[in-house]
Amino acid sequence: MSPQPISPLKNFFAGGFGGVCLVFAGHPLDTIKVRLQTQPKPKPGESLLYAGTIDCFKKTLAKEGVKGLYKGMAAPIIGVTPMFAVCFFGFGLGKKLQQKHPQDILTYPQLFAAGMLSGIFTTAIMAPGERIKCLLQIQASTGHVKYNGPMDCVKQLYKESGIRGIYKGTALTLMRDVPASGMYFMSYEWLKNLLTPPGRSPSELSVPSVLFAGGMAGIFNWAVAIPPDVLKSRFQTAPEGKYPNGFRDVLRELIREEGIGSLYKGFNAVMLRAFPANAACFLGFELAMKFLNWLAPNL
């Protein structure tokens, strides 16, 4: 059975649906991740605001209810749907550009390169959405409410420092997403091939296998992405002018004050979220892809 020709357009629509599935499954743990990464350093004699992932989860639930875990979700839904659509489109395009013939099977380094292209594509959408999300997530935990929602946040940032204020942290988002996206897609394709029984096509994989491959791809993706993600969260939520040399200042301060381990802050929350969120994403993508191939087989 010959593989279905790569269609970046189908990837675009299926990726958008996968993105919606990802946000619903993963946002509560994303809120916890950002709160753990950006919690203030305790004064001498005081303990940390959150002792860890479970403590942060309990305190958020007690103080704000389930709604607190879904704080700031409008921004990622608005941003993630087109972002995952563009991400999967970039991956589809990256694969197509490397094929000499439609039936060519790509090597793993080629899949990694296609994934890296998708990381470049997504940063343009990702950077402002991430900045707004981080600011909305931390204001609830600090108790100081400055922004009334995503649109108010955009208006205030634009008024304070123009378009640069909205795109603050773009270089760090690129540093995080380009290698991480390469790892994300390559590991997913590798696991799909690994789980495919002999003589069968990876497109016929069972739902549990797709969920496992997608979840593990999320873990591999974040193993690469966490250090630049910690720097990005710090940089994007810092007061204007705190880090004049960008991420180098954030890195120096973090290592000086909290040691190298601080680059893996929020590790448990990230990994707990990565598996179900990305399992949901790839399952959504594969189901949408099957539907689109049935609807328009020649597109």
C-alpha atoms as a PDB file:
ATOM      1  CA  MET A   1       0.000   0.000   0.000  1.00  0.00           C
ATOM      2  CA  SER A   2       1.629   3.310  -1.079  1.00  0.00           C
ATOM      3  CA  PRO A   3       1.722   6.123   1.497  1.00  0.00           C
ATOM      4  CA  GLN A   4      -0.701   9.034   1.121  1.00  0.00           C
ATOM      5  CA  PRO A   5       1.109  11.953  -0.628  1.00  0.00           C
ATOM      6  CA  ILE A   6       2.076  14.743   1.789  1.00  0.00           C
ATOM      7  CA  SER A   7      -0.424  17.608   1.743  1.00  0.00           C
ATOM      8  CA  PRO A   8       0.697  20.721   3.691  1.00  0.00           C
ATOM      9  CA  LEU A   9      -2.859  22.090   3.359  1.00  0.00           C
ATOM     10  CA  LYS A  10      -4.415  19.050   5.062  1.00  0.00           C
ATOM     11  CA  ASN A  11      -1.670  19.263   7.696  1.00  0.00           C
ATOM     12  CA  PHE A  12      -2.759  22.874   8.298  1.00  0.00           C
ATOM     13  CA  PHE A  13      -6.398  22.020   9.092  1.00  0.00           C
ATOM     14  CA  ALA A  14      -5.645  18.790  10.977  1.00  0.00           C
ATOM     15  CA  GLY A  15      -2.929  20.558  13.007  1.00  0.00           C
ATOM     16  CA  GLY A  16      -5.391  23.290  14.026  1.00  0.00           C
ATOM     17  CA  PHE A  17      -7.795  20.666  15.375  1.00  0.00           C
ATOM     18  CA  GLY A  18      -4.913  18.929  17.176  1.00  0.00           C
ATOM     19  CA  GLY A  19      -4.008  22.262  18.784  1.00  0.00           C
ATOM     20  CA  VAL A  20      -7.497  22.724  20.235  1.00  0.00           C
ATOM     21  CA  CYS A  21      -7.324  19.191  21.715  1.00  0.00           C
ATOM     22  CA  LEU A  22      -3.913  20.018  23.203  1.00  0.00           C
ATOM     23  CA  VAL A  23      -5.076  23.202  24.978  1.00  0.00           C
ATOM     24  CA  PHE A  24      -8.080  21.541  26.609  1.00  0.00           C
ATOM     25  CA  ALA A  25      -5.969  18.642  27.865  1.00  0.00           C
ATOM     26  CA  GLY A  26      -2.902  20.619  28.929  1.00  0.00           C
ATOM     27  CA  HIS A  27      -3.785  24.141  30.072  1.00  0.00           C
ATOM     28  CA  PRO A  28      -4.252  23.449  33.822  1.00  0.00           C
ATOM     29  CA  LEU A  29      -0.688  22.119  34.117  1.00  0.00           C
ATOM     30  CA  ASP A  30       0.621  24.956  31.947  1.00  0.00           C
ATOM     31  CA  THR A  31      -0.803  27.449  34.471  1.00  0.00           C
ATOM     32  CA  ILE A  32       0.981  25.575  37.274  1.00  0.00           C
ATOM     33  CA  LYS A  33       4.237  25.448  35.269  1.00  0.00           C
ATOM     34  CA  VAL A  34       4.281  29.240  34.744  1.00  0.00           C
ATOM     35  CA  ARG A  35       3.404  29.947  38.380  1.00  0.00           C
ATOM     36  CA  LEU A  36       6.219  27.673  39.608  1.00  0.00           C
ATOM     37  CA  GLN A  37       8.720  29.189  37.164  1.00  0.00           C
ATOM     38  CA  THR A  38       7.919  32.796  38.040  1.00  0.00           C
ATOM     39  CA  GLN A  39       7.192  32.613  41.781  1.00  0.00           C
ATOM     40  CA  PRO A  40       9.060  35.314  43.731  1.00  0.00           C
ATOM     41  CA  LYS A  41      12.225  34.447  45.649  1.00  0.00           C
ATOM     42  CA  PRO A  42      11.279  34.143  49.355  1.00  0.00           C
ATOM     43  CA  LYS A  43      12.666  36.664  51.843  1.00  0.00           C
ATOM     44  CA  PRO A  44      15.003  35.287  54.553  1.00  0.00           C
ATOM     45  CA  GLY A  45      13.007  33.137  56.973  1.00  0.00           C
ATOM     46  CA  GLU A  46      10.040  32.806  54.619  1.00  0.00           C
ATOM     47  CA  SER A  47       9.161  29.682  52.666  1.00  0.00           C
ATOM     48  CA  LEU A  48       8.396  29.491  48.953  1.00  0.00           C
ATOM     49  CA  LEU A  49       4.871  30.415  47.848  1.00  0.00           C
ATOM     50  CA  TYR A  50       4.502  26.936  46.279  1.00  0.00           C
ATOM     51  CA  ALA A  51       6.405  23.906  47.577  1.00  0.00           C
ATOM     52  CA  GLY A  52       5.989  22.073  44.246  1.00  0.00           C
ATOM     53  CA  THR A  53       3.572  20.966  41.535  1.00  0.00           C
ATOM     54  CA  ILE A  54       0.976  19.324  43.842  1.00  0.00           C
ATOM     55  CA  ASP A  55       1.104  22.207  46.332  1.00  0.00           C
ATOM     56  CA  CYS A  56       0.609  24.765  43.544  1.00  0.00           C
ATOM     57  CA  PHE A  57      -2.300  22.704  42.182  1.00  0.00           C
ATOM     58  CA  LYS A  58      -3.979  22.497  45.642  1.00  0.00           C
ATOM     59  CA  LYS A  59      -3.501  26.209  46.415  1.00  0.00           C
ATOM     60  CA  THR A  60      -4.775  27.324  42.997  1.00  0.00           C
ATOM     61  CA  LEU A  61      -7.819  25.060  43.323  1.00  0.00           C
ATOM     62  CA  ALA A  62      -8.557  26.223  46.888  1.00  0.00           C
ATOM     63  CA  LYS A  63      -8.138  29.921  46.100  1.00  0.00           C
ATOM     64  CA  GLU A  64      -9.611  30.176  42.597  1.00  0.00           C
ATOM     65  CA  GLY A  65     -11.448  26.912  41.899  1.00  0.00           C
ATOM     66  CA  VAL A  66     -11.248  24.960  38.602  1.00  0.00           C
ATOM     67  CA  LYS A  67     -11.552  28.270  36.731  1.00  0.00           C
ATOM     68  CA  GLY A  68      -8.160  29.269  38.158  1.00  0.00           C
ATOM     69  CA  LEU A  69      -6.501  26.329  36.380  1.00  0.00           C
ATOM     70  CA  TYR A  70      -7.965  27.518  33.065  1.00  0.00           C
ATOM     71  CA  LYS A  71      -6.896  31.165  33.589  1.00  0.00           C
ATOM     72  CA  GLY A  72      -5.668  32.831  30.420  1.00  0.00           C
ATOM     73  CA  MET A  73      -6.949  29.989  28.202  1.00  0.00           C
ATOM     74  CA  ALA A  74      -8.610  32.324  25.674  1.00  0.00           C
ATOM     75  CA  ALA A  75      -5.199  33.568  24.496  1.00  0.00           C
ATOM     76  CA  PRO A  76      -3.764  30.081  23.798  1.00  0.00           C
ATOM     77  CA  ILE A  77      -7.002  28.864  22.120  1.00  0.00           C
ATOM     78  CA  ILE A  78      -6.929  31.915  19.821  1.00  0.00           C
ATOM     79  CA  GLY A  79      -3.163  31.545  19.369  1.00  0.00           C
ATOM     80  CA  VAL A  80      -2.749  27.753  19.495  1.00  0.00           C
ATOM     81  CA  THR A  81      -5.302  26.814  16.825  1.00  0.00           C
ATOM     82  CA  PRO A  82      -3.556  28.826  14.061  1.00  0.00           C
ATOM     83  CA  MET A  83      -0.167  28.128  15.652  1.00  0.00           C
ATOM     84  CA  PHE A  84      -0.562  24.332  15.489  1.00  0.00           C
ATOM     85  CA  ALA A  85      -2.125  24.680  12.044  1.00  0.00           C
ATOM     86  CA  VAL A  86       1.015  26.598  10.941  1.00  0.00           C
ATOM     87  CA  CYS A  87       3.265  24.196  12.888  1.00  0.00           C
ATOM     88  CA  PHE A  88       1.918  21.077  11.154  1.00  0.00           C
ATOM     89  CA  PHE A  89       1.799  22.975   7.832  1.00  0.00           C
ATOM     90  CA  GLY A  90       5.508  23.851   8.281  1.00  0.00           C
ATOM     91  CA  PHE A  91       6.316  20.215   9.020  1.00  0.00           C
ATOM     92  CA  GLY A  92       4.332  19.055   5.963  1.00  0.00           C
ATOM     93  CA  LEU A  93       6.069  21.655   3.803  1.00  0.00           C
ATOM     94  CA  GLY A  94       9.481  20.739   5.233  1.00  0.00           C
ATOM     95  CA  LYS A  95       8.857  17.088   4.332  1.00  0.00           C
ATOM     96  CA  LYS A  96       7.523  17.903   0.863  1.00  0.00           C
ATOM     97  CA  LEU A  97      10.507  20.150   0.031  1.00  0.00           C
ATOM     98  CA  GLN A  98      12.913  17.293   0.812  1.00  0.00           C
ATOM     99  CA  GLN A  99      11.104  14.716  -1.327  1.00  0.00           C
ATOM    100  CA  LYS A 100      12.307  14.180  -4.898  1.00  0.00           C
ATOM    101  CA  HIS A 101       9.272  11.959  -5.574  1.00  0.00           C
ATOM    102  CA  PRO A 102       5.913  11.795  -3.706  1.00  0.00           C
ATOM    103  CA  GLN A 103       6.629   8.203  -2.603  1.00  0.00           C
ATOM    104  CA  ASP A 104      10.048   8.984  -1.025  1.00  0.00           C
ATOM    105  CA  ILE A 105      10.440   7.871   2.600  1.00  0.00           C
ATOM    106  CA  LEU A 106      12.353  10.512   4.577  1.00  0.00           C
ATOM    107  CA  THR A 107      15.258   9.739   6.920  1.00  0.00           C
ATOM    108  CA  TYR A 108      15.140  10.780  10.600  1.00  0.00           C
ATOM    109  CA  PRO A 109      17.582  13.728  10.114  1.00  0.00           C
ATOM    110  CA  GLN A 110      15.306  14.934   7.279  1.00  0.00           C
ATOM    111  CA  LEU A 111      12.274  14.659   9.570  1.00  0.00           C
ATOM    112  CA  PHE A 112      14.211  16.613  12.231  1.00  0.00           C
ATOM    113  CA  ALA A 113      14.988  19.342   9.666  1.00  0.00           C
ATOM    114  CA  ALA A 114      11.300  19.480   8.622  1.00  0.00           C
ATOM    115  CA  GLY A 115      10.354  19.821  12.306  1.00  0.00           C
ATOM    116  CA  MET A 116      12.854  22.676  12.752  1.00  0.00           C
ATOM    117  CA  LEU A 117      11.236  24.532   9.840  1.00  0.00           C
ATOM    118  CA  SER A 118       7.877  24.230  11.597  1.00  0.00           C
ATOM    119  CA  GLY A 119       9.486  25.817  14.710  1.00  0.00           C
ATOM    120  CA  ILE A 120      10.511  28.884  12.679  1.00  0.00           C
ATOM    121  CA  PHE A 121       6.994  29.135  11.217  1.00  0.00           C
ATOM    122  CA  THR A 122       5.283  29.043  14.612  1.00  0.00           C
ATOM    123  CA  THR A 123       7.410  31.607  16.453  1.00  0.00           C
ATOM    124  CA  ALA A 124       5.801  34.569  14.647  1.00  0.00           C
ATOM    125  CA  ILE A 125       2.422  33.575  16.135  1.00  0.00           C
ATOM    126  CA  MET A 126       3.774  32.025  19.327  1.00  0.00           C
ATOM    127  CA  ALA A 127       5.855  34.873  20.765  1.00  0.00           C
ATOM    128  CA  PRO A 128       3.084  37.454  21.415  1.00  0.00           C
ATOM    129  CA  GLY A 129       0.596  34.768  22.550  1.00  0.00           C
ATOM    130  CA  GLU A 130       3.132  33.371  25.028  1.00  0.00           C
ATOM    131  CA  ARG A 131       3.964  36.832  26.398  1.00  0.00           C
ATOM    132  CA  ILE A 132       0.256  37.628  27.014  1.00  0.00           C
ATOM    133  CA  LYS A 133      -0.401  34.166  28.504  1.00  0.00           C
ATOM    134  CA  CYS A 134       2.514  34.427  30.968  1.00  0.00           C
ATOM    135  CA  LEU A 135       1.500  37.924  32.113  1.00  0.00           C
ATOM    136  CA  LEU A 136      -2.131  36.870  32.695  1.00  0.00           C
ATOM    137  CA  GLN A 137      -1.114  33.680  34.500  1.00  0.00           C
ATOM    138  CA  ILE A 138       1.222  35.364  36.983  1.00  0.00           C
ATOM    139  CA  GLN A 139      -0.961  38.354  37.844  1.00  0.00           C
ATOM    140  CA  ALA A 140      -3.526  36.070  39.513  1.00  0.00           C
ATOM    141  CA  SER A 141      -0.847  34.522  41.745  1.00  0.00           C
ATOM    142  CA  THR A 142       0.745  37.884  42.663  1.00  0.00           C
ATOM    143  CA  GLY A 143      -2.638  39.388  43.535  1.00  0.00           C
ATOM    144  CA  HIS A 144      -1.920  42.548  41.541  1.00  0.00           C
ATOM    145  CA  VAL A 145      -4.430  42.713  38.669  1.00  0.00           C
ATOM    146  CA  LYS A 146      -3.104  44.964  35.928  1.00  0.00           C
ATOM    147  CA  TYR A 147      -4.772  43.445  32.843  1.00  0.00           C
ATOM    148  CA  ASN A 148      -8.488  42.684  32.393  1.00  0.00           C
ATOM    149  CA  GLY A 149      -7.924  40.063  29.687  1.00  0.00           C
ATOM    150  CA  PRO A 150      -5.885  39.263  26.565  1.00  0.00           C
ATOM    151  CA  MET A 151      -7.039  42.275  24.502  1.00  0.00           C
ATOM    152  CA  ASP A 152      -6.487  44.701  27.394  1.00  0.00           C
ATOM    153  CA  CYS A 153      -3.018  43.197  27.866  1.00  0.00           C
ATOM    154  CA  VAL A 154      -2.165  43.774  24.156  1.00  0.00           C
ATOM    155  CA  LYS A 155      -3.431  47.394  24.329  1.00  0.00           C
ATOM    156  CA  GLN A 156      -1.427  48.197  27.458  1.00  0.00           C
ATOM    157  CA  LEU A 157       1.769  46.559  26.149  1.00  0.00           C
ATOM    158  CA  TYR A 158       1.435  48.439  22.856  1.00  0.00           C
ATOM    159  CA  LYS A 159       0.849  51.730  24.672  1.00  0.00           C
ATOM    160  CA  GLU A 160       3.857  51.158  26.953  1.00  0.00           C
ATOM    161  CA  SER A 161       6.459  49.973  24.440  1.00  0.00           C
ATOM    162  CA  GLY A 162       4.940  49.539  20.973  1.00  0.00           C
ATOM    163  CA  ILE A 163       5.142  46.360  18.896  1.00  0.00           C
ATOM    164  CA  ARG A 164       8.470  45.477  20.571  1.00  0.00           C
ATOM    165  CA  GLY A 165       6.651  45.128  23.890  1.00  0.00           C
ATOM    166  CA  ILE A 166       4.254  42.569  22.413  1.00  0.00           C
ATOM    167  CA  TYR A 167       7.087  40.604  20.749  1.00  0.00           C
ATOM    168  CA  LYS A 168       9.405  40.654  23.788  1.00  0.00           C
ATOM    169  CA  GLY A 169      11.143  37.282  24.101  1.00  0.00           C
ATOM    170  CA  THR A 170      10.971  36.308  20.401  1.00  0.00           C
ATOM    171  CA  ALA A 171      14.652  35.265  20.211  1.00  0.00           C
ATOM    172  CA  LEU A 172      14.159  32.999  23.232  1.00  0.00           C
ATOM    173  CA  THR A 173      10.992  31.540  21.723  1.00  0.00           C
ATOM    174  CA  LEU A 174      13.033  30.693  18.580  1.00  0.00           C
ATOM    175  CA  MET A 175      15.814  29.167  20.695  1.00  0.00           C
ATOM    176  CA  ARG A 176      13.197  27.006  22.390  1.00  0.00           C
ATOM    177  CA  ASP A 177      10.973  26.045  19.470  1.00  0.00           C
ATOM    178  CA  VAL A 178      13.361  25.350  16.573  1.00  0.00           C
ATOM    179  CA  PRO A 179      15.351  22.437  18.106  1.00  0.00           C
ATOM    180  CA  ALA A 180      12.355  21.296  20.206  1.00  0.00           C
ATOM    181  CA  SER A 181      10.063  21.088  17.152  1.00  0.00           C
ATOM    182  CA  GLY A 182      12.696  19.057  15.308  1.00  0.00           C
ATOM    183  CA  MET A 183      12.811  16.624  18.225  1.00  0.00           C
ATOM    184  CA  TYR A 184       8.992  16.640  18.527  1.00  0.00           C
ATOM    185  CA  PHE A 185       8.182  15.512  15.002  1.00  0.00           C
ATOM    186  CA  MET A 186      11.174  13.224  14.536  1.00  0.00           C
ATOM    187  CA  SER A 187      10.459  11.321  17.777  1.00  0.00           C
ATOM    188  CA  TYR A 188       6.747  11.016  16.887  1.00  0.00           C
ATOM    189  CA  GLU A 189       7.525   9.531  13.449  1.00  0.00           C
ATOM    190  CA  TRP A 190      10.200   7.267  14.971  1.00  0.00           C
ATOM    191  CA  LEU A 191       7.791   5.925  17.637  1.00  0.00           C
ATOM    192  CA  LYS A 192       5.023   5.464  15.075  1.00  0.00           C
ATOM    193  CA  ASN A 193       7.364   3.352  12.936  1.00  0.00           C
ATOM    194  CA  LEU A 194       8.515   1.441  16.010  1.00  0.00           C
ATOM    195  CA  LEU A 195       4.936   0.631  17.060  1.00  0.00           C
ATOM    196  CA  THR A 196       3.732  -0.357  13.566  1.00  0.00           C
ATOM    197  CA  PRO A 197       3.394  -4.147  13.207  1.00  0.00           C
ATOM    198  CA  PRO A 198       5.385  -5.700  10.303  1.00  0.00           C
ATOM    199  CA  GLY A 199       3.627  -5.425   6.956  1.00  0.00           C
ATOM    200  CA  ARG A 200       1.279  -2.662   8.186  1.00  0.00           C
ATOM    201  CA  SER A 201       1.253   1.073   7.487  1.00  0.00           C
ATOM    202  CA  PRO A 202       1.893   3.647  10.306  1.00  0.00           C
ATOM    203  CA  SER A 203      -1.402   5.283   9.235  1.00  0.00           C
ATOM    204  CA  GLU A 204      -3.249   2.182  10.525  1.00  0.00           C
ATOM    205  CA  LEU A 205      -1.954   2.536  14.101  1.00  0.00           C
ATOM    206  CA  SER A 206      -4.401   1.882  16.950  1.00  0.00           C
ATOM    207  CA  VAL A 207      -5.626   4.755  19.156  1.00  0.00           C
ATOM    208  CA  PRO A 208      -3.530   3.668  22.215  1.00  0.00           C
ATOM    209  CA  SER A 209      -0.393   3.535  20.020  1.00  0.00           C
ATOM    210  CA  VAL A 210      -1.051   7.026  18.610  1.00  0.00           C
ATOM    211  CA  LEU A 211      -1.670   8.340  22.148  1.00  0.00           C
ATOM    212  CA  PHE A 212       1.589   6.767  23.377  1.00  0.00           C
ATOM    213  CA  ALA A 213       3.669   8.045  20.416  1.00  0.00           C
ATOM    214  CA  GLY A 214       2.142  11.542  20.721  1.00  0.00           C
ATOM    215  CA  GLY A 215       2.599  11.676  24.488  1.00  0.00           C
ATOM    216  CA  MET A 216       6.233  10.555  24.296  1.00  0.00           C
ATOM    217  CA  ALA A 217       6.919  13.047  21.481  1.00  0.00           C
ATOM    218  CA  GLY A 218       5.714  15.740  23.876  1.00  0.00           C
ATOM    219  CA  ILE A 219       8.131  14.496  26.562  1.00  0.00           C
ATOM    220  CA  PHE A 220      11.081  14.516  24.103  1.00  0.00           C
ATOM    221  CA  ASN A 221      10.070  17.976  22.886  1.00  0.00           C
ATOM    222  CA  TRP A 222      10.047  19.460  26.395  1.00  0.00           C
ATOM    223  CA  ALA A 223      13.263  17.735  27.470  1.00  0.00           C
ATOM    224  CA  VAL A 224      14.934  19.973  24.854  1.00  0.00           C
ATOM    225  CA  ALA A 225      12.698  23.016  25.448  1.00  0.00           C
ATOM    226  CA  ILE A 226      12.603  23.485  29.255  1.00  0.00           C
ATOM    227  CA  PRO A 227      15.840  25.513  29.825  1.00  0.00           C
ATOM    228  CA  PRO A 228      15.068  28.158  27.163  1.00  0.00           C
ATOM    229  CA  ASP A 229      11.409  28.084  28.316  1.00  0.00           C
ATOM    230  CA  VAL A 230      12.400  28.979  31.913  1.00  0.00           C
ATOM    231  CA  LEU A 231      14.540  31.866  30.611  1.00  0.00           C
ATOM    232  CA  LYS A 232      11.699  33.004  28.335  1.00  0.00           C
ATOM    233  CA  SER A 233       9.068  32.969  31.127  1.00  0.00           C
ATOM    234  CA  ARG A 234      11.405  34.999  33.364  1.00  0.00           C
ATOM    235  CA  PHE A 235      12.311  37.465  30.617  1.00  0.00           C
ATOM    236  CA  GLN A 236       8.755  37.978  29.337  1.00  0.00           C
ATOM    237  CA  THR A 237       7.293  38.640  32.799  1.00  0.00           C
ATOM    238  CA  ALA A 238      10.141  40.865  34.069  1.00  0.00           C
ATOM    239  CA  PRO A 239       9.611  44.625  34.493  1.00  0.00           C
ATOM    240  CA  GLU A 240      10.779  46.720  31.517  1.00  0.00           C
ATOM    241  CA  GLY A 241      14.548  47.309  31.579  1.00  0.00           C
ATOM    242  CA  LYS A 242      15.364  44.646  34.203  1.00  0.00           C
ATOM    243  CA  TYR A 243      17.437  42.589  31.758  1.00  0.00           C
ATOM    244  CA  PRO A 244      19.105  45.053  29.327  1.00  0.00           C
ATOM    245  CA  ASN A 245      21.216  42.311  27.653  1.00  0.00           C
ATOM    246  CA  GLY A 246      18.272  39.970  27.151  1.00  0.00           C
ATOM    247  CA  PHE A 247      18.473  36.274  27.937  1.00  0.00           C
ATOM    248  CA  ARG A 248      22.208  36.421  28.878  1.00  0.00           C
ATOM    249  CA  ASP A 249      21.286  38.546  31.923  1.00  0.00           C
ATOM    250  CA  VAL A 250      18.425  36.179  32.862  1.00  0.00           C
ATOM    251  CA  LEU A 251      20.748  33.170  32.574  1.00  0.00           C
ATOM    252  CA  ARG A 252      23.484  34.819  34.707  1.00  0.00           C
ATOM    253  CA  GLU A 253      20.998  35.862  37.410  1.00  0.00           C
ATOM    254  CA  LEU A 254      19.302  32.456  37.555  1.00  0.00           C
ATOM    255  CA  ILE A 255      22.556  30.468  37.787  1.00  0.00           C
ATOM    256  CA  ARG A 256      24.088  32.919  40.300  1.00  0.00           C
ATOM    257  CA  GLU A 257      21.036  32.930  42.596  1.00  0.00           C
ATOM    258  CA  GLU A 258      19.570  29.452  42.215  1.00  0.00           C
ATOM    259  CA  GLY A 259      22.153  27.266  40.489  1.00  0.00           C
ATOM    260  CA  ILE A 260      22.037  25.263  37.240  1.00  0.00           C
ATOM    261  CA  GLY A 261      19.060  23.184  38.475  1.00  0.00           C
ATOM    262  CA  SER A 262      16.836  26.255  38.196  1.00  0.00           C
ATOM    263  CA  LEU A 263      16.914  25.859  34.400  1.00  0.00           C
ATOM    264  CA  TYR A 264      14.696  22.816  34.919  1.00  0.00           C
ATOM    265  CA  LYS A 265      12.164  24.660  37.108  1.00  0.00           C
ATOM    266  CA  GLY A 266       8.644  23.376  36.680  1.00  0.00           C
ATOM    267  CA  PHE A 267      10.035  20.101  35.240  1.00  0.00           C
ATOM    268  CA  ASN A 268       7.384  17.906  36.931  1.00  0.00           C
ATOM    269  CA  ALA A 269       4.500  20.156  35.853  1.00  0.00           C
ATOM    270  CA  VAL A 270       5.852  20.293  32.290  1.00  0.00           C
ATOM    271  CA  MET A 271       6.289  16.544  32.005  1.00  0.00           C
ATOM    272  CA  LEU A 272       2.925  15.795  33.633  1.00  0.00           C
ATOM    273  CA  ARG A 273       1.278  18.100  31.112  1.00  0.00           C
ATOM    274  CA  ALA A 274       3.394  17.093  28.105  1.00  0.00           C
ATOM    275  CA  PHE A 275       2.167  13.516  27.894  1.00  0.00           C
ATOM    276  CA  PRO A 276      -1.654  13.956  27.968  1.00  0.00           C
ATOM    277  CA  ALA A 277      -1.623  17.260  26.064  1.00  0.00           C
ATOM    278  CA  ASN A 278       0.475  15.972  23.165  1.00  0.00           C
ATOM    279  CA  ALA A 279      -1.230  12.575  23.153  1.00  0.00           C
ATOM    280  CA  ALA A 280      -4.521  14.503  22.689  1.00  0.00           C
ATOM    281  CA  CYS A 281      -2.920  16.733  20.049  1.00  0.00           C
ATOM    282  CA  PHE A 282      -1.596  13.923  17.841  1.00  0.00           C
ATOM    283  CA  LEU A 283      -4.769  11.875  18.238  1.00  0.00           C
ATOM    284  CA  GLY A 284      -6.801  14.936  17.152  1.00  0.00           C
ATOM    285  CA  PHE A 285      -4.385  15.455  14.243  1.00  0.00           C
ATOM    286  CA  GLU A 286      -4.526  11.826  13.065  1.00  0.00           C
ATOM    287  CA  LEU A 287      -8.354  11.663  13.290  1.00  0.00           C
ATOM    288  CA  ALA A 288      -8.726  14.974  11.413  1.00  0.00           C
ATOM    289  CA  MET A 289      -6.205  13.750   8.818  1.00  0.00           C
ATOM    290  CA  LYS A 290      -8.166  10.512   8.267  1.00  0.00           C
ATOM    291  CA  PHE A 291     -11.371  12.551   7.845  1.00  0.00           C
ATOM    292  CA  LEU A 292      -9.694  14.950   5.357  1.00  0.00           C
ATOM    293  CA  ASN A 293      -8.170  12.079   3.355  1.00  0.00           C
ATOM    294  CA  TRP A 294     -11.628  10.531   3.132  1.00  0.00           C
ATOM    295  CA  LEU A 295     -13.240  13.883   2.252  1.00  0.00           C
ATOM    296  CA  ALA A 296     -10.673  14.975  -0.356  1.00  0.00           C
ATOM    297  CA  PRO A 297      -8.362  12.067  -1.232  1.00  0.00           C
ATOM    298  CA  ASN A 298      -6.663  13.904  -4.121  1.00  0.00           C
ATOM    299  CA  LEU A 299      -5.983  17.240  -2.408  1.00  0.00           C
END
